[in-house]
Amino acid sequence: MATKPNQALIYRNIPIYLREIREAAGLTQRQLARKIRKPQWWITRSETGSRRVDVAEFVEFCIACSVQPAEGLGELVKRR
């Protein structure tokens, strides 16, 4: 049986990282959702791995949390 893309080992660190940077920025899920004009459930599902985050969304998430996207990607590479 094939592994779903959001359950692949390489993807597991992304939702964890997204939550970490949001919390480090001192933002609640609702505050971040307002900042990037997404519903709060979108943030929840992105941080729990229930939905897959594409590159553009990752960049938007990082910028809203005052993290340089390239630095965020570098951190994820270190964690794999």
Protein backbone atom coordinates (compact mmCIF):
# COMPACT_ATOMS: atom_id res chain seq x y z
CA MET A 1 0.00 0.00 0.00
CA ALA A 2 1.36 3.41 -0.96
CA THR A 3 2.00 6.04 1.67
CA LYS A 4 -0.07 9.21 1.39
CA PRO A 5 2.13 12.22 0.60
CA ASN A 6 1.40 13.98 3.88
CA GLN A 7 2.28 10.82 5.82
CA ALA A 8 5.68 10.32 4.19
CA LEU A 9 8.58 10.46 6.62
CA ILE A 10 10.15 13.44 4.88
CA TYR A 11 6.92 15.46 5.32
CA ARG A 12 6.47 14.79 9.05
CA ASN A 13 8.65 17.68 10.20
CA ILE A 14 6.81 20.34 8.20
CA PRO A 15 3.62 20.55 10.32
CA ILE A 16 5.71 20.48 13.51
CA TYR A 17 7.90 23.28 12.20
CA LEU A 18 4.92 25.39 11.18
CA ARG A 19 3.50 25.21 14.69
CA GLU A 20 6.89 26.01 16.22
CA ILE A 21 7.38 29.17 14.17
CA ARG A 22 3.83 30.35 14.83
CA GLU A 23 4.28 29.89 18.57
CA ALA A 24 7.73 31.53 18.49
CA ALA A 25 6.12 34.51 16.75
CA GLY A 26 3.65 34.75 19.63
CA LEU A 27 0.66 34.22 17.36
CA THR A 28 -2.47 32.22 18.02
CA GLN A 29 -3.92 30.20 15.18
CA ARG A 30 -6.68 32.78 14.79
CA GLN A 31 -4.23 35.67 14.64
CA LEU A 32 -2.13 33.93 12.01
CA ALA A 33 -5.23 32.99 10.03
CA ARG A 34 -6.31 36.64 9.93
CA LYS A 35 -2.82 37.73 8.96
CA ILE A 36 -2.66 35.41 5.93
CA ARG A 37 -6.37 35.58 5.14
CA LYS A 38 -7.12 31.92 5.68
CA PRO A 39 -9.71 30.27 7.91
CA GLN A 40 -8.50 29.12 11.33
CA TRP A 41 -9.19 25.48 10.42
CA TRP A 42 -6.63 25.84 7.60
CA ILE A 43 -3.94 26.64 10.15
CA THR A 44 -5.00 23.74 12.37
CA ARG A 45 -4.96 21.24 9.53
CA SER A 46 -1.62 22.55 8.25
CA GLU A 47 -0.04 22.19 11.70
CA THR A 48 -1.44 18.71 12.32
CA GLY A 49 -0.57 17.34 8.90
CA SER A 50 -4.21 16.84 7.94
CA ARG A 51 -3.62 18.90 4.82
CA ARG A 52 -0.52 19.21 2.72
CA VAL A 53 1.17 22.61 2.55
CA ASP A 54 2.61 23.58 -0.82
CA VAL A 55 5.70 25.73 -1.32
CA ALA A 56 3.80 28.99 -1.81
CA GLU A 57 1.79 28.37 1.37
CA PHE A 58 4.99 27.53 3.28
CA VAL A 59 6.51 30.84 2.16
CA GLU A 60 3.37 32.74 3.18
CA PHE A 61 3.29 31.00 6.58
CA CYS A 62 6.98 31.80 7.20
CA ILE A 63 6.70 35.45 6.24
CA ALA A 64 3.64 35.91 8.47
CA CYS A 65 5.66 34.46 11.36
CA SER A 66 8.69 36.70 10.62
CA VAL A 67 10.85 33.81 9.41
CA GLN A 68 12.83 34.02 6.18
CA PRO A 69 11.47 31.19 4.00
CA ALA A 70 14.99 30.13 2.94
CA GLU A 71 15.99 29.84 6.61
CA GLY A 72 12.85 27.82 7.29
CA LEU A 73 13.64 25.46 4.45
CA GLY A 74 17.21 25.16 5.69
CA GLU A 75 15.94 24.20 9.12
CA LEU A 76 13.71 21.51 7.63
CA VAL A 77 16.64 20.10 5.66
CA LYS A 78 18.64 19.81 8.92
CA ARG A 79 15.76 17.93 10.57
CA ARG A 80 15.26 15.28 7.92
